[in-house]
Amino acid sequence: MFYEKTFVLPSFSHSHRKIVGRVGRIFSFSSVVCLLGLFFSCSKFPEPSASDPAPSSPAPPRAETVIDACSLLTSEEIQSVQGEAFTEAKATGNAAGGFSQCHFGLPTFSNSISLLVQAGVAANDRDPKQAWDEMFSPAKLQVSVTEGGKKKFPAQKIADLGDEAYWAGNNIIGVLYVLKDDRYFTISVGGAGDQNSKIEKCTVLARMILKRF
């Protein structure tokens, strides 16, 4: 039987986004950045109107923990892995979603790096550890075959990195997920190299991040 190889990137939604790897198809690094943006975009909830009744016993405000993703890697560290120092570190984030994201732009844009940190409680009241357990549940770490004959490969476990770590990707595109205590981050790198090379680069950068995480 011929299997078309696919892999499933974990996401917060119940529906999974699939990336189909085919020989000869080329993805730019910007695809990774856009993909991560889709994974971790948060829905904006409407503000209550003046006519809405106030709760009789309001809960105390919850302190959000948002880590500045751009502070977790230095220019020298990135240069030691990618061969270039970044020219800009562009930060985005969402306190309601409890996450911070940084795009490290390099002179060779395809070598750029995307880092996302999920350290706070999201607007749907799921903490990062709960979201992690759902993304990497035992059921989702099994190889499966669709009715159409497509073989779906789960995330690959990476040993001796943080509390847990998984790589989701192939030779073209991929993301490293790393859990530490009750929060986690994801990192992806662009540039030439096969899947093993990208895993190695992401792992080296992840160890640098963990020193400050």
N, C-alpha and C. Protein backbone atom coordinates (compact mmCIF):
# COMPACT_ATOMS: atom_id res chain seq x y z
N MET A 1 0.85 -1.21 0.00
CA MET A 1 0.00 0.00 0.00
C MET A 1 0.88 1.24 0.00
N PHE A 2 0.51 2.24 -0.81
CA PHE A 2 1.26 3.50 -0.84
C PHE A 2 0.70 4.45 0.21
N TYR A 3 1.56 4.98 1.05
CA TYR A 3 1.13 5.93 2.06
C TYR A 3 1.67 7.30 1.70
N GLU A 4 0.82 8.29 1.76
CA GLU A 4 1.27 9.67 1.61
C GLU A 4 1.60 10.18 3.00
N LYS A 5 2.82 10.57 3.22
CA LYS A 5 3.30 10.89 4.55
C LYS A 5 2.86 12.28 4.97
N THR A 6 2.17 12.36 6.06
CA THR A 6 1.77 13.64 6.62
C THR A 6 2.15 13.65 8.08
N PHE A 7 2.18 14.84 8.66
CA PHE A 7 2.35 14.93 10.09
C PHE A 7 1.36 15.94 10.61
N VAL A 8 1.04 15.83 11.89
CA VAL A 8 0.04 16.69 12.51
C VAL A 8 0.73 17.60 13.50
N LEU A 9 0.57 18.91 13.32
CA LEU A 9 1.09 19.86 14.29
C LEU A 9 0.06 20.05 15.39
N PRO A 10 0.45 19.95 16.65
CA PRO A 10 -0.49 20.17 17.74
C PRO A 10 -1.05 21.57 17.71
N SER A 11 -2.28 21.73 18.16
CA SER A 11 -2.88 23.06 18.20
C SER A 11 -3.81 23.14 19.39
N PHE A 12 -4.26 24.35 19.71
CA PHE A 12 -5.19 24.55 20.81
C PHE A 12 -6.58 24.12 20.44
N SER A 13 -6.96 24.16 19.16
CA SER A 13 -8.30 23.81 18.75
C SER A 13 -8.41 22.30 18.67
N HIS A 14 -9.66 21.81 18.60
CA HIS A 14 -9.88 20.37 18.49
C HIS A 14 -9.56 19.88 17.09
N SER A 15 -9.68 20.73 16.10
CA SER A 15 -9.33 20.34 14.75
C SER A 15 -7.83 20.45 14.57
N HIS A 16 -7.22 19.50 13.87
CA HIS A 16 -5.77 19.49 13.67
C HIS A 16 -5.45 20.01 12.29
N ARG A 17 -4.37 20.78 12.22
CA ARG A 17 -3.91 21.29 10.95
C ARG A 17 -2.83 20.36 10.43
N LYS A 18 -2.99 19.92 9.18
CA LYS A 18 -2.06 18.94 8.63
C LYS A 18 -1.21 19.59 7.55
N ILE A 19 0.06 19.25 7.55
CA ILE A 19 0.99 19.71 6.53
C ILE A 19 1.38 18.50 5.71
N VAL A 20 1.14 18.51 4.41
CA VAL A 20 1.48 17.37 3.58
C VAL A 20 2.83 17.61 2.94
N GLY A 21 3.81 16.71 3.22
CA GLY A 21 5.15 16.85 2.64
C GLY A 21 5.24 16.10 1.33
N ARG A 22 5.57 16.76 0.25
CA ARG A 22 5.76 16.13 -1.05
C ARG A 22 7.12 16.51 -1.59
N VAL A 23 7.77 15.56 -2.26
CA VAL A 23 9.08 15.81 -2.83
C VAL A 23 8.95 16.89 -3.89
N GLY A 24 9.86 17.85 -3.81
CA GLY A 24 9.89 18.91 -4.81
C GLY A 24 9.10 20.14 -4.43
N ARG A 25 8.29 20.07 -3.37
CA ARG A 25 7.52 21.24 -2.95
C ARG A 25 8.34 22.08 -2.00
N ILE A 26 8.39 23.37 -2.22
CA ILE A 26 9.26 24.25 -1.44
C ILE A 26 8.42 25.20 -0.61
N PHE A 27 8.73 25.27 0.70
CA PHE A 27 8.08 26.21 1.60
C PHE A 27 9.10 27.24 2.03
N SER A 28 8.74 28.53 2.03
CA SER A 28 9.63 29.56 2.57
C SER A 28 9.49 29.58 4.07
N PHE A 29 10.48 30.18 4.76
CA PHE A 29 10.43 30.23 6.22
C PHE A 29 9.24 31.02 6.71
N SER A 30 8.76 31.96 5.88
CA SER A 30 7.60 32.74 6.31
C SER A 30 6.39 31.86 6.54
N SER A 31 6.36 30.65 5.90
CA SER A 31 5.26 29.72 6.15
C SER A 31 5.22 29.29 7.60
N VAL A 32 6.40 29.10 8.19
CA VAL A 32 6.46 28.70 9.60
C VAL A 32 5.87 29.77 10.48
N VAL A 33 6.26 31.03 10.22
CA VAL A 33 5.78 32.13 11.04
C VAL A 33 4.28 32.26 10.92
N CYS A 34 3.76 32.15 9.69
CA CYS A 34 2.31 32.25 9.49
C CYS A 34 1.60 31.09 10.17
N LEU A 35 2.20 29.89 10.06
CA LEU A 35 1.58 28.72 10.67
C LEU A 35 1.50 28.86 12.18
N LEU A 36 2.59 29.33 12.79
CA LEU A 36 2.57 29.53 14.24
C LEU A 36 1.53 30.56 14.63
N GLY A 37 1.39 31.60 13.81
CA GLY A 37 0.40 32.62 14.11
C GLY A 37 -1.00 32.06 14.11
N LEU A 38 -1.25 31.09 13.17
CA LEU A 38 -2.57 30.46 13.13
C LEU A 38 -2.79 29.58 14.34
N PHE A 39 -1.72 28.84 14.76
CA PHE A 39 -1.87 27.94 15.91
C PHE A 39 -2.27 28.69 17.17
N PHE A 40 -1.60 29.81 17.39
CA PHE A 40 -1.70 30.43 18.70
C PHE A 40 -2.50 31.73 18.69
N SER A 41 -3.25 32.00 17.61
CA SER A 41 -4.11 33.17 17.61
C SER A 41 -5.25 32.95 18.59
N CYS A 42 -5.63 33.99 19.24
CA CYS A 42 -6.65 33.88 20.29
C CYS A 42 -7.89 34.66 19.89
N SER A 43 -9.06 34.10 20.14
CA SER A 43 -10.30 34.79 19.83
C SER A 43 -10.54 35.92 20.81
N LYS A 44 -11.00 37.03 20.29
CA LYS A 44 -11.28 38.17 21.16
C LYS A 44 -12.72 38.11 21.64
N PHE A 45 -12.92 38.15 22.91
CA PHE A 45 -14.25 38.07 23.47
C PHE A 45 -14.85 39.47 23.55
N PRO A 46 -16.15 39.62 23.29
CA PRO A 46 -16.77 40.94 23.32
C PRO A 46 -16.80 41.51 24.72
N GLU A 47 -16.64 42.82 24.79
CA GLU A 47 -16.71 43.51 26.07
C GLU A 47 -18.17 43.54 26.55
N PRO A 48 -18.42 43.42 27.84
CA PRO A 48 -19.79 43.48 28.35
C PRO A 48 -20.36 44.88 28.15
N SER A 49 -21.64 44.91 27.80
CA SER A 49 -22.30 46.20 27.58
C SER A 49 -22.73 46.79 28.92
N ALA A 50 -23.10 48.08 28.88
CA ALA A 50 -23.48 48.77 30.10
C ALA A 50 -24.74 48.17 30.72
N SER A 51 -25.54 47.49 29.86
CA SER A 51 -26.80 46.92 30.36
C SER A 51 -26.60 45.58 31.05
N ASP A 52 -25.43 44.97 30.87
CA ASP A 52 -25.19 43.68 31.49
C ASP A 52 -25.10 43.83 33.01
N PRO A 53 -25.76 42.97 33.76
CA PRO A 53 -25.70 43.08 35.22
C PRO A 53 -24.33 42.72 35.75
N ALA A 54 -23.90 43.44 36.77
CA ALA A 54 -22.60 43.17 37.39
C ALA A 54 -22.72 41.92 38.25
N PRO A 55 -21.70 41.09 38.28
CA PRO A 55 -21.76 39.88 39.12
C PRO A 55 -21.85 40.26 40.59
N SER A 56 -22.60 39.47 41.34
CA SER A 56 -22.82 39.78 42.74
C SER A 56 -21.55 39.57 43.56
N SER A 57 -20.75 38.56 43.19
CA SER A 57 -19.52 38.29 43.92
C SER A 57 -18.37 38.14 42.93
N PRO A 58 -17.83 39.26 42.48
CA PRO A 58 -16.78 39.18 41.46
C PRO A 58 -15.54 38.48 41.99
N ALA A 59 -14.94 37.65 41.11
CA ALA A 59 -13.72 36.95 41.50
C ALA A 59 -12.56 37.93 41.49
N PRO A 60 -11.58 37.73 42.35
CA PRO A 60 -10.42 38.62 42.35
C PRO A 60 -9.68 38.52 41.03
N PRO A 61 -9.09 39.62 40.57
CA PRO A 61 -8.38 39.59 39.30
C PRO A 61 -7.23 38.60 39.33
N ARG A 62 -7.04 37.93 38.20
CA ARG A 62 -6.00 36.92 38.11
C ARG A 62 -4.76 37.54 37.49
N ALA A 63 -3.64 37.39 38.13
CA ALA A 63 -2.40 37.94 37.61
C ALA A 63 -1.90 37.08 36.45
N GLU A 64 -1.67 37.70 35.30
CA GLU A 64 -1.17 36.99 34.14
C GLU A 64 0.35 37.00 34.15
N THR A 65 0.93 35.92 33.70
CA THR A 65 2.38 35.82 33.61
C THR A 65 2.76 35.76 32.14
N VAL A 66 3.33 36.83 31.64
CA VAL A 66 3.74 36.88 30.25
C VAL A 66 5.24 37.15 30.20
N ILE A 67 5.98 36.26 29.59
CA ILE A 67 7.43 36.40 29.47
C ILE A 67 7.75 37.03 28.13
N ASP A 68 8.66 37.98 28.11
CA ASP A 68 9.09 38.62 26.87
C ASP A 68 9.94 37.62 26.07
N ALA A 69 9.38 37.10 25.00
CA ALA A 69 10.08 36.08 24.22
C ALA A 69 11.38 36.62 23.61
N CYS A 70 11.40 37.90 23.29
CA CYS A 70 12.59 38.48 22.66
C CYS A 70 13.77 38.58 23.61
N SER A 71 13.52 38.42 24.91
CA SER A 71 14.61 38.51 25.90
C SER A 71 15.29 37.18 26.15
N LEU A 72 14.83 36.12 25.50
CA LEU A 72 15.30 34.78 25.83
C LEU A 72 16.48 34.31 24.97
N LEU A 73 16.80 35.04 23.91
CA LEU A 73 17.95 34.71 23.08
C LEU A 73 18.73 35.98 22.77
N THR A 74 20.05 35.87 22.78
CA THR A 74 20.89 37.01 22.43
C THR A 74 21.31 36.91 20.97
N SER A 75 21.78 38.04 20.44
CA SER A 75 22.24 38.06 19.06
C SER A 75 23.43 37.12 18.87
N GLU A 76 24.33 37.07 19.86
CA GLU A 76 25.50 36.21 19.77
C GLU A 76 25.09 34.73 19.76
N GLU A 77 24.09 34.37 20.56
CA GLU A 77 23.64 32.98 20.60
C GLU A 77 23.05 32.55 19.26
N ILE A 78 22.25 33.42 18.69
CA ILE A 78 21.65 33.11 17.39
C ILE A 78 22.72 32.99 16.32
N GLN A 79 23.71 33.88 16.35
CA GLN A 79 24.79 33.83 15.37
C GLN A 79 25.59 32.53 15.49
N SER A 80 25.75 32.02 16.71
CA SER A 80 26.50 30.78 16.90
C SER A 80 25.80 29.58 16.27
N VAL A 81 24.49 29.68 16.07
CA VAL A 81 23.73 28.58 15.49
C VAL A 81 23.43 28.79 14.02
N GLN A 82 23.01 30.00 13.66
CA GLN A 82 22.59 30.30 12.30
C GLN A 82 23.67 30.97 11.46
N GLY A 83 24.78 31.36 12.07
CA GLY A 83 25.86 31.99 11.31
C GLY A 83 25.65 33.46 11.05
N GLU A 84 24.55 34.03 11.56
CA GLU A 84 24.24 35.44 11.39
C GLU A 84 23.61 35.97 12.66
N ALA A 85 23.91 37.21 12.99
CA ALA A 85 23.23 37.88 14.11
C ALA A 85 21.92 38.45 13.59
N PHE A 86 20.93 38.55 14.46
CA PHE A 86 19.65 39.09 13.98
C PHE A 86 19.73 40.60 13.80
N THR A 87 18.98 41.10 12.84
CA THR A 87 18.93 42.53 12.56
C THR A 87 17.79 43.20 13.31
N GLU A 88 16.76 42.42 13.67
CA GLU A 88 15.66 42.95 14.48
C GLU A 88 15.00 41.82 15.23
N ALA A 89 14.43 42.15 16.38
CA ALA A 89 13.66 41.21 17.16
C ALA A 89 12.28 41.83 17.34
N LYS A 90 11.32 41.34 16.61
CA LYS A 90 9.98 41.92 16.60
C LYS A 90 9.07 41.13 17.53
N ALA A 91 8.58 41.81 18.56
CA ALA A 91 7.76 41.14 19.58
C ALA A 91 6.28 41.36 19.33
N THR A 92 5.51 40.32 19.57
CA THR A 92 4.05 40.40 19.60
C THR A 92 3.60 39.60 20.80
N GLY A 93 2.39 39.84 21.23
CA GLY A 93 1.90 39.09 22.39
C GLY A 93 0.46 39.40 22.67
N ASN A 94 -0.09 38.70 23.63
CA ASN A 94 -1.49 38.86 24.00
C ASN A 94 -1.62 38.48 25.46
N ALA A 95 -1.78 39.47 26.32
CA ALA A 95 -1.90 39.19 27.76
C ALA A 95 -3.10 38.31 28.05
N ALA A 96 -4.20 38.53 27.30
CA ALA A 96 -5.40 37.71 27.52
C ALA A 96 -5.13 36.26 27.15
N GLY A 97 -4.26 36.06 26.15
CA GLY A 97 -3.93 34.70 25.75
C GLY A 97 -2.76 34.13 26.52
N GLY A 98 -2.09 34.97 27.32
CA GLY A 98 -0.98 34.50 28.14
C GLY A 98 0.26 34.14 27.37
N PHE A 99 0.40 34.65 26.13
CA PHE A 99 1.57 34.28 25.35
C PHE A 99 2.33 35.49 24.84
N SER A 100 3.59 35.25 24.51
CA SER A 100 4.47 36.25 23.92
C SER A 100 5.20 35.59 22.76
N GLN A 101 5.35 36.32 21.65
CA GLN A 101 6.00 35.76 20.48
C GLN A 101 7.07 36.73 19.98
N CYS A 102 8.16 36.18 19.45
CA CYS A 102 9.23 37.02 18.90
C CYS A 102 9.72 36.44 17.59
N HIS A 103 9.83 37.32 16.61
CA HIS A 103 10.41 36.93 15.33
C HIS A 103 11.79 37.57 15.24
N PHE A 104 12.82 36.73 15.21
CA PHE A 104 14.19 37.21 15.08
C PHE A 104 14.55 37.24 13.60
N GLY A 105 14.55 38.45 13.03
CA GLY A 105 14.84 38.59 11.62
C GLY A 105 16.33 38.62 11.36
N LEU A 106 16.80 37.78 10.46
CA LEU A 106 18.22 37.70 10.11
C LEU A 106 18.44 38.32 8.74
N PRO A 107 19.69 38.74 8.43
CA PRO A 107 19.98 39.31 7.11
C PRO A 107 19.51 38.42 5.96
N THR A 108 19.75 37.11 6.10
CA THR A 108 19.17 36.14 5.17
C THR A 108 17.82 35.73 5.75
N PHE A 109 16.75 36.27 5.19
CA PHE A 109 15.44 36.13 5.83
C PHE A 109 15.05 34.68 6.05
N SER A 110 15.42 33.81 5.12
CA SER A 110 15.04 32.40 5.25
C SER A 110 15.69 31.74 6.46
N ASN A 111 16.72 32.37 7.05
CA ASN A 111 17.38 31.83 8.24
C ASN A 111 16.73 32.31 9.54
N SER A 112 15.69 33.11 9.44
CA SER A 112 15.08 33.72 10.62
C SER A 112 14.53 32.68 11.59
N ILE A 113 14.25 33.14 12.81
CA ILE A 113 13.81 32.26 13.90
C ILE A 113 12.52 32.80 14.49
N SER A 114 11.61 31.90 14.79
CA SER A 114 10.35 32.28 15.45
C SER A 114 10.26 31.57 16.79
N LEU A 115 9.98 32.34 17.84
CA LEU A 115 9.89 31.82 19.21
C LEU A 115 8.58 32.26 19.84
N LEU A 116 7.86 31.32 20.41
CA LEU A 116 6.62 31.63 21.10
C LEU A 116 6.65 31.04 22.50
N VAL A 117 6.25 31.84 23.48
CA VAL A 117 6.23 31.41 24.88
C VAL A 117 4.80 31.44 25.39
N GLN A 118 4.33 30.32 25.91
CA GLN A 118 3.01 30.24 26.53
C GLN A 118 3.22 30.05 28.02
N ALA A 119 3.10 31.14 28.77
CA ALA A 119 3.40 31.09 30.20
C ALA A 119 2.23 31.48 31.08
N GLY A 120 1.22 32.12 30.50
CA GLY A 120 0.07 32.56 31.29
C GLY A 120 -1.17 31.77 30.96
N VAL A 121 -2.22 32.01 31.71
CA VAL A 121 -3.50 31.34 31.49
C VAL A 121 -4.21 32.02 30.34
N ALA A 122 -4.66 31.24 29.38
CA ALA A 122 -5.33 31.79 28.20
C ALA A 122 -6.74 32.24 28.54
N ALA A 123 -7.35 32.96 27.60
CA ALA A 123 -8.69 33.50 27.83
C ALA A 123 -9.73 32.41 28.03
N ASN A 124 -9.45 31.19 27.55
CA ASN A 124 -10.39 30.09 27.74
C ASN A 124 -10.17 29.36 29.06
N ASP A 125 -9.33 29.97 29.95
CA ASP A 125 -9.09 29.46 31.29
C ASP A 125 -8.28 28.17 31.33
N ARG A 126 -7.65 27.81 30.23
CA ARG A 126 -6.75 26.66 30.24
C ARG A 126 -5.34 27.14 30.53
N ASP A 127 -4.71 26.53 31.53
CA ASP A 127 -3.32 26.91 31.80
C ASP A 127 -2.42 26.17 30.82
N PRO A 128 -1.15 26.62 30.67
CA PRO A 128 -0.27 26.02 29.68
C PRO A 128 -0.08 24.51 29.84
N LYS A 129 0.03 24.04 31.09
CA LYS A 129 0.24 22.60 31.30
C LYS A 129 -0.98 21.80 30.84
N GLN A 130 -2.17 22.33 31.08
CA GLN A 130 -3.37 21.64 30.63
C GLN A 130 -3.42 21.58 29.11
N ALA A 131 -3.08 22.69 28.46
CA ALA A 131 -3.05 22.72 27.00
C ALA A 131 -2.01 21.72 26.47
N TRP A 132 -0.86 21.65 27.13
CA TRP A 132 0.20 20.73 26.72
C TRP A 132 -0.29 19.28 26.80
N ASP A 133 -0.93 18.94 27.90
CA ASP A 133 -1.41 17.57 28.09
C ASP A 133 -2.43 17.19 27.02
N GLU A 134 -3.21 18.16 26.56
CA GLU A 134 -4.18 17.88 25.50
C GLU A 134 -3.48 17.73 24.15
N MET A 135 -2.48 18.58 23.88
CA MET A 135 -1.77 18.50 22.60
C MET A 135 -1.00 17.20 22.44
N PHE A 136 -0.41 16.72 23.56
CA PHE A 136 0.44 15.55 23.50
C PHE A 136 -0.12 14.41 24.35
N SER A 137 -1.40 14.21 24.25
CA SER A 137 -2.04 13.09 24.95
C SER A 137 -1.60 11.78 24.29
N PRO A 138 -1.65 10.66 25.02
CA PRO A 138 -1.23 9.37 24.45
C PRO A 138 -1.93 9.05 23.13
N ALA A 139 -3.20 9.41 23.01
CA ALA A 139 -3.94 9.11 21.79
C ALA A 139 -3.38 9.86 20.59
N LYS A 140 -2.86 11.05 20.83
CA LYS A 140 -2.35 11.86 19.73
C LYS A 140 -0.89 11.54 19.39
N LEU A 141 -0.28 10.64 20.15
CA LEU A 141 1.10 10.26 19.89
C LEU A 141 1.19 8.88 19.24
N GLN A 142 0.11 8.48 18.57
CA GLN A 142 0.06 7.20 17.88
C GLN A 142 0.03 7.43 16.37
N VAL A 143 0.72 6.57 15.63
CA VAL A 143 0.65 6.61 14.17
C VAL A 143 -0.72 6.10 13.75
N SER A 144 -1.35 6.78 12.82
CA SER A 144 -2.67 6.36 12.35
C SER A 144 -2.74 6.48 10.83
N VAL A 145 -3.70 5.83 10.25
CA VAL A 145 -3.90 5.86 8.81
C VAL A 145 -5.33 6.27 8.52
N THR A 146 -5.51 7.25 7.64
CA THR A 146 -6.84 7.71 7.29
C THR A 146 -7.49 6.74 6.31
N GLU A 147 -8.78 6.92 6.09
CA GLU A 147 -9.48 6.07 5.13
C GLU A 147 -8.93 6.25 3.72
N GLY A 148 -8.38 7.42 3.46
CA GLY A 148 -7.81 7.68 2.14
C GLY A 148 -6.41 7.13 1.96
N GLY A 149 -5.88 6.45 2.97
CA GLY A 149 -4.57 5.84 2.86
C GLY A 149 -3.42 6.74 3.26
N LYS A 150 -3.72 7.88 3.86
CA LYS A 150 -2.65 8.78 4.30
C LYS A 150 -2.21 8.38 5.71
N LYS A 151 -0.92 8.24 5.84
CA LYS A 151 -0.36 7.85 7.13
C LYS A 151 0.00 9.11 7.92
N LYS A 152 -0.59 9.26 9.08
CA LYS A 152 -0.36 10.43 9.92
C LYS A 152 0.67 10.09 11.00
N PHE A 153 1.75 10.85 11.01
CA PHE A 153 2.82 10.61 11.97
C PHE A 153 2.70 11.59 13.14
N PRO A 154 2.78 11.08 14.36
CA PRO A 154 2.68 11.97 15.53
C PRO A 154 3.97 12.72 15.75
N ALA A 155 3.94 13.63 16.71
CA ALA A 155 5.15 14.38 17.07
C ALA A 155 6.22 13.41 17.59
N GLN A 156 7.47 13.76 17.33
CA GLN A 156 8.62 12.93 17.74
C GLN A 156 9.16 13.41 19.07
N LYS A 157 9.25 12.50 20.03
CA LYS A 157 9.74 12.87 21.36
C LYS A 157 11.24 13.15 21.31
N ILE A 158 11.66 14.25 21.95
CA ILE A 158 13.07 14.63 22.04
C ILE A 158 13.52 14.42 23.47
N ALA A 159 14.54 13.59 23.66
CA ALA A 159 14.97 13.22 25.02
C ALA A 159 15.86 14.29 25.64
N ASP A 160 15.84 14.33 26.96
CA ASP A 160 16.76 15.16 27.76
C ASP A 160 16.69 16.64 27.41
N LEU A 161 15.48 17.14 27.27
CA LEU A 161 15.27 18.56 26.98
C LEU A 161 14.07 19.06 27.76
N GLY A 162 14.30 19.96 28.72
CA GLY A 162 13.22 20.44 29.56
C GLY A 162 12.58 19.29 30.33
N ASP A 163 11.32 19.46 30.69
CA ASP A 163 10.58 18.36 31.32
C ASP A 163 10.07 17.38 30.28
N GLU A 164 9.67 17.93 29.13
CA GLU A 164 9.25 17.13 27.97
C GLU A 164 9.51 17.97 26.74
N ALA A 165 9.75 17.31 25.62
CA ALA A 165 9.94 18.04 24.37
C ALA A 165 9.52 17.16 23.20
N TYR A 166 8.94 17.79 22.17
CA TYR A 166 8.50 17.08 20.98
C TYR A 166 8.82 17.91 19.74
N TRP A 167 9.16 17.22 18.68
CA TRP A 167 9.36 17.84 17.38
C TRP A 167 8.21 17.43 16.47
N ALA A 168 7.57 18.40 15.84
CA ALA A 168 6.50 18.13 14.88
C ALA A 168 6.92 18.74 13.55
N GLY A 169 7.18 17.89 12.56
CA GLY A 169 7.60 18.43 11.28
C GLY A 169 8.18 17.38 10.37
N ASN A 170 8.84 17.87 9.32
CA ASN A 170 9.52 17.00 8.36
C ASN A 170 10.75 17.72 7.84
N ASN A 171 11.25 17.32 6.67
CA ASN A 171 12.47 17.94 6.13
C ASN A 171 12.24 19.37 5.65
N ILE A 172 10.99 19.78 5.51
CA ILE A 172 10.70 21.09 4.95
C ILE A 172 10.34 22.11 6.03
N ILE A 173 9.54 21.68 6.97
CA ILE A 173 9.03 22.62 7.97
C ILE A 173 8.84 21.88 9.29
N GLY A 174 9.05 22.58 10.41
CA GLY A 174 8.88 21.91 11.69
C GLY A 174 8.98 22.86 12.87
N VAL A 175 8.49 22.40 14.01
CA VAL A 175 8.46 23.20 15.23
C VAL A 175 8.87 22.31 16.41
N LEU A 176 9.71 22.85 17.28
CA LEU A 176 10.10 22.16 18.51
C LEU A 176 9.29 22.73 19.67
N TYR A 177 8.62 21.85 20.43
CA TYR A 177 7.83 22.21 21.60
C TYR A 177 8.58 21.77 22.85
N VAL A 178 8.74 22.66 23.82
CA VAL A 178 9.48 22.33 25.03
C VAL A 178 8.68 22.76 26.26
N LEU A 179 8.47 21.82 27.17
CA LEU A 179 7.75 22.08 28.42
C LEU A 179 8.74 22.22 29.56
N LYS A 180 8.53 23.23 30.41
CA LYS A 180 9.32 23.39 31.63
C LYS A 180 8.40 23.86 32.74
N ASP A 181 8.29 23.04 33.79
CA ASP A 181 7.36 23.31 34.90
C ASP A 181 5.94 23.44 34.35
N ASP A 182 5.28 24.58 34.57
CA ASP A 182 3.89 24.72 34.14
C ASP A 182 3.75 25.65 32.94
N ARG A 183 4.78 25.75 32.11
CA ARG A 183 4.72 26.59 30.92
C ARG A 183 5.58 25.96 29.83
N TYR A 184 5.42 26.44 28.62
CA TYR A 184 6.19 25.86 27.52
C TYR A 184 6.47 26.92 26.46
N PHE A 185 7.38 26.57 25.55
CA PHE A 185 7.66 27.45 24.42
C PHE A 185 7.83 26.60 23.16
N THR A 186 7.70 27.25 22.01
CA THR A 186 7.93 26.61 20.73
C THR A 186 8.95 27.42 19.96
N ILE A 187 9.79 26.74 19.19
CA ILE A 187 10.79 27.43 18.40
C ILE A 187 10.95 26.74 17.06
N SER A 188 11.14 27.54 16.02
CA SER A 188 11.38 27.02 14.69
C SER A 188 12.47 27.84 14.03
N VAL A 189 13.29 27.19 13.22
CA VAL A 189 14.37 27.87 12.53
C VAL A 189 14.22 27.65 11.03
N GLY A 190 14.66 28.65 10.26
CA GLY A 190 14.65 28.51 8.82
C GLY A 190 16.04 28.17 8.31
N GLY A 191 16.16 28.15 7.00
CA GLY A 191 17.46 27.90 6.39
C GLY A 191 17.57 26.51 5.81
N ALA A 192 18.74 26.25 5.24
CA ALA A 192 19.00 24.96 4.61
C ALA A 192 19.17 23.88 5.67
N GLY A 193 19.12 22.64 5.21
CA GLY A 193 19.32 21.52 6.13
C GLY A 193 18.10 20.62 6.18
N ASP A 194 18.34 19.36 6.51
CA ASP A 194 17.25 18.40 6.61
C ASP A 194 16.61 18.47 7.99
N GLN A 195 15.70 17.55 8.24
CA GLN A 195 14.97 17.56 9.50
C GLN A 195 15.91 17.39 10.70
N ASN A 196 16.87 16.49 10.60
CA ASN A 196 17.80 16.27 11.71
C ASN A 196 18.59 17.53 12.03
N SER A 197 18.98 18.25 10.99
CA SER A 197 19.72 19.49 11.19
C SER A 197 18.87 20.54 11.90
N LYS A 198 17.61 20.64 11.51
CA LYS A 198 16.71 21.61 12.14
C LYS A 198 16.42 21.24 13.59
N ILE A 199 16.27 19.94 13.85
CA ILE A 199 16.05 19.50 15.23
C ILE A 199 17.27 19.86 16.08
N GLU A 200 18.45 19.62 15.54
CA GLU A 200 19.68 19.91 16.29
C GLU A 200 19.80 21.40 16.59
N LYS A 201 19.52 22.24 15.60
CA LYS A 201 19.62 23.69 15.80
C LYS A 201 18.59 24.17 16.82
N CYS A 202 17.36 23.68 16.69
CA CYS A 202 16.32 24.09 17.63
C CYS A 202 16.65 23.62 19.04
N THR A 203 17.22 22.43 19.17
CA THR A 203 17.58 21.90 20.48
C THR A 203 18.66 22.74 21.14
N VAL A 204 19.67 23.14 20.36
CA VAL A 204 20.74 23.99 20.90
C VAL A 204 20.16 25.31 21.39
N LEU A 205 19.30 25.92 20.59
CA LEU A 205 18.68 27.19 20.98
C LEU A 205 17.77 27.00 22.20
N ALA A 206 17.07 25.88 22.25
CA ALA A 206 16.16 25.61 23.37
C ALA A 206 16.94 25.52 24.68
N ARG A 207 18.10 24.91 24.65
CA ARG A 207 18.91 24.81 25.88
C ARG A 207 19.35 26.20 26.35
N MET A 208 19.63 27.08 25.40
CA MET A 208 19.97 28.46 25.76
C MET A 208 18.78 29.16 26.39
N ILE A 209 17.60 28.95 25.82
CA ILE A 209 16.37 29.56 26.33
C ILE A 209 16.07 29.08 27.75
N LEU A 210 16.24 27.79 27.99
CA LEU A 210 15.91 27.20 29.29
C LEU A 210 16.73 27.81 30.43
N LYS A 211 17.89 28.34 30.13
CA LYS A 211 18.70 28.99 31.16
C LYS A 211 18.02 30.25 31.71
N ARG A 212 17.13 30.84 30.91
CA ARG A 212 16.47 32.09 31.31
C ARG A 212 14.97 31.89 31.50
N PHE A 213 14.49 30.69 31.30
CA PHE A 213 13.04 30.47 31.24
C PHE A 213 12.46 30.34 32.65
